[in-house]
Amino acid sequence: MKRIVLRPDYCIGCRSCEAACRSRFKGEARIRHGEVTTDALLPQGCRHCEEPLCAAACPFQVIVRNPDTGVVRKSDFHCVGCRSCALACPFGVIPPALMRHMSQKCTLCSDRPEGPRCVQTCPTGALQFTEDDRMPEKKAGVGFAVRSIHGRRLA
């Protein structure tokens, strides 16, 4: 399965990933930015969990995980906007505010063979779309976040 991986030390907080998402979904961004510190904003997108709590919380089974691709999708047509998925998501990536009476969720731009738009538009390569088995094992806390007031990576 392929995933979007964030390299926080390369993110400059330009929000081009969010703009690319908004252009596809008619002004509704499915990737958002969360404030880590007062100087650092990092993109937050759906992690497409192996056992998605958003799907388990949905009372109408609108959210399902494709076992072949691993993409967790939501049927917009059948969503009633109860917000159970937003409350259940442990990462807080499904916004509780409703757009057109529905919750919004990332689909990894599965309609595009090139991959997600947010990854394609990232100017610094902070977002990567890679296979699970190609992701290196790392200890938590290794690396650093953006500390510059100008949003640039410090060496």
Protein backbone atom coordinates (compact mmCIF):
# COMPACT_ATOMS: atom_id res chain seq x y z
CA MET A 1 0.00 0.00 0.00
CA LYS A 2 1.18 3.52 -0.77
CA ARG A 3 1.00 6.30 1.80
CA ILE A 4 1.70 10.01 2.01
CA VAL A 5 4.71 10.55 4.24
CA LEU A 6 5.63 13.94 5.66
CA ARG A 7 9.23 14.99 6.16
CA PRO A 8 8.66 17.84 8.64
CA ASP A 9 12.16 19.27 8.33
CA TYR A 10 11.47 20.08 4.66
CA CYS A 11 8.02 21.65 5.14
CA ILE A 12 8.07 25.46 4.81
CA GLY A 13 4.37 25.94 5.58
CA CYS A 14 3.54 27.34 2.12
CA ARG A 15 0.19 25.48 2.03
CA SER A 16 0.54 24.65 -1.67
CA CYS A 17 -0.63 21.12 -0.85
CA GLU A 18 -3.82 22.54 0.64
CA ALA A 19 -4.33 24.80 -2.41
CA ALA A 20 -3.97 21.84 -4.78
CA CYS A 21 -6.53 19.91 -2.79
CA ARG A 22 -8.91 22.87 -2.74
CA SER A 23 -8.67 23.25 -6.52
CA ARG A 24 -9.74 19.63 -7.04
CA PHE A 25 -12.58 19.57 -4.52
CA LYS A 26 -14.17 22.94 -5.37
CA GLY A 27 -12.82 24.93 -2.44
CA GLU A 28 -12.87 22.13 0.12
CA ALA A 29 -9.43 21.07 1.29
CA ARG A 30 -9.14 17.47 2.42
CA ILE A 31 -5.67 18.12 3.76
CA ARG A 32 -5.32 20.73 6.47
CA HIS A 33 -2.51 22.39 8.37
CA GLY A 34 -2.07 22.01 12.08
CA GLU A 35 -0.02 24.32 14.25
CA VAL A 36 2.86 22.50 15.92
CA THR A 37 4.35 25.63 17.45
CA THR A 38 3.65 29.28 16.82
CA ASP A 39 6.28 29.15 14.05
CA ALA A 40 5.47 25.80 12.43
CA LEU A 41 2.45 24.61 10.46
CA LEU A 42 2.47 21.03 9.20
CA PRO A 43 0.06 19.36 6.78
CA GLN A 44 -2.32 16.79 8.22
CA GLY A 45 -4.01 14.26 6.00
CA CYS A 46 -5.84 10.99 6.40
CA ARG A 47 -3.51 8.15 7.37
CA HIS A 48 -5.71 5.43 5.85
CA CYS A 49 -5.43 3.23 8.93
CA GLU A 50 -5.44 -0.55 8.71
CA GLU A 51 -8.35 -0.60 11.16
CA PRO A 52 -9.98 2.81 10.64
CA LEU A 53 -11.90 4.05 13.66
CA CYS A 54 -13.80 6.48 11.44
CA ALA A 55 -15.29 3.51 9.56
CA ALA A 56 -16.15 1.70 12.78
CA ALA A 57 -17.91 4.81 14.12
CA CYS A 58 -20.00 5.40 11.00
CA PRO A 59 -23.55 4.20 11.78
CA PHE A 60 -24.39 3.73 8.09
CA GLN A 61 -21.19 1.95 6.89
CA VAL A 62 -20.46 4.84 4.53
CA ILE A 63 -16.71 4.66 5.15
CA VAL A 64 -14.97 1.49 3.95
CA ARG A 65 -11.37 0.39 3.50
CA ASN A 66 -10.38 -1.21 0.20
CA PRO A 67 -8.40 -4.32 1.18
CA ASP A 68 -6.41 -4.29 -2.08
CA THR A 69 -5.27 -0.67 -2.16
CA GLY A 70 -5.65 0.20 1.53
CA VAL A 71 -7.50 3.43 0.68
CA VAL A 72 -10.20 4.36 3.17
CA ARG A 73 -13.03 5.93 1.16
CA LYS A 74 -16.28 7.62 2.07
CA SER A 75 -19.37 7.59 -0.11
CA ASP A 76 -20.40 11.25 -0.35
CA PHE A 77 -23.81 10.29 -1.70
CA HIS A 78 -24.75 8.26 1.38
CA CYS A 79 -23.16 10.45 4.08
CA VAL A 80 -25.77 12.05 6.37
CA GLY A 81 -23.32 14.39 8.11
CA CYS A 82 -23.58 12.92 11.61
CA ARG A 83 -19.88 13.73 12.32
CA SER A 84 -19.24 10.40 14.04
CA CYS A 85 -16.17 9.85 11.84
CA ALA A 86 -14.71 13.24 12.83
CA LEU A 87 -15.16 12.46 16.51
CA ALA A 88 -13.70 8.96 16.18
CA CYS A 89 -10.57 9.84 14.18
CA PRO A 90 -7.64 9.73 16.64
CA PHE A 91 -5.56 12.05 14.44
CA GLY A 92 -8.20 14.76 14.02
CA VAL A 93 -7.81 14.91 10.25
CA ILE A 94 -11.53 14.77 9.43
CA PRO A 95 -12.76 18.30 10.11
CA PRO A 96 -15.87 18.45 12.30
CA ALA A 97 -17.23 21.38 10.25
CA LEU A 98 -19.50 20.12 7.50
CA MET A 99 -19.26 21.12 3.85
CA ARG A 100 -22.50 20.63 1.93
CA HIS A 101 -23.88 18.68 4.91
CA MET A 102 -21.11 16.05 4.64
CA SER A 103 -17.81 15.40 6.33
CA GLN A 104 -14.74 15.59 4.09
CA LYS A 105 -12.06 12.89 3.86
CA CYS A 106 -8.90 12.40 1.81
CA THR A 107 -9.03 9.76 -0.94
CA LEU A 108 -5.31 9.87 -1.88
CA CYS A 109 -6.51 11.22 -5.25
CA SER A 110 -7.14 7.64 -6.32
CA ASP A 111 -8.56 8.96 -9.61
CA ARG A 112 -5.04 9.98 -10.70
CA PRO A 113 -2.33 7.51 -11.74
CA GLU A 114 0.36 10.13 -10.89
CA GLY A 115 -0.66 10.12 -7.24
CA PRO A 116 -2.06 12.75 -4.90
CA ARG A 117 -2.15 16.37 -5.99
CA CYS A 118 -0.75 17.58 -2.68
CA VAL A 119 2.42 15.53 -3.19
CA GLN A 120 2.81 16.69 -6.80
CA THR A 121 2.63 20.38 -5.85
CA CYS A 122 4.88 20.34 -2.80
CA PRO A 123 7.82 22.58 -3.82
CA THR A 124 10.31 21.21 -1.27
CA GLY A 125 9.49 17.51 -1.43
CA ALA A 126 8.22 17.48 2.15
CA LEU A 127 5.34 15.23 1.09
CA GLN A 128 6.28 11.88 -0.43
CA PHE A 129 3.96 9.18 -1.84
CA THR A 130 5.71 5.90 -1.19
CA GLU A 131 5.15 2.20 -0.54
CA ASP A 132 4.95 0.98 3.06
CA ASP A 133 7.88 -1.40 2.61
CA ARG A 134 10.11 1.41 1.31
CA MET A 135 9.61 3.58 4.38
CA PRO A 136 12.66 3.42 6.62
CA GLU A 137 12.23 2.46 10.25
CA LYS A 138 12.91 5.51 12.43
CA LYS A 139 12.74 6.20 16.09
CA ALA A 140 10.20 8.75 17.25
CA GLY A 141 11.66 12.18 17.92
CA VAL A 142 14.50 11.86 15.40
CA GLY A 143 14.85 14.95 13.21
CA PHE A 144 13.64 18.46 13.84
CA ALA A 145 10.80 20.79 13.02
CA VAL A 146 10.95 24.19 11.37
CA ARG A 147 12.24 26.71 13.87
CA SER A 148 12.86 29.75 11.69
CA ILE A 149 10.37 32.61 11.83
CA HIS A 150 10.71 32.75 8.04
CA GLY A 151 9.59 29.14 7.64
CA ARG A 152 12.93 27.91 6.33
CA ARG A 153 14.77 24.82 7.40
CA LEU A 154 17.75 25.51 9.63
CA ALA A 155 20.87 23.44 9.07
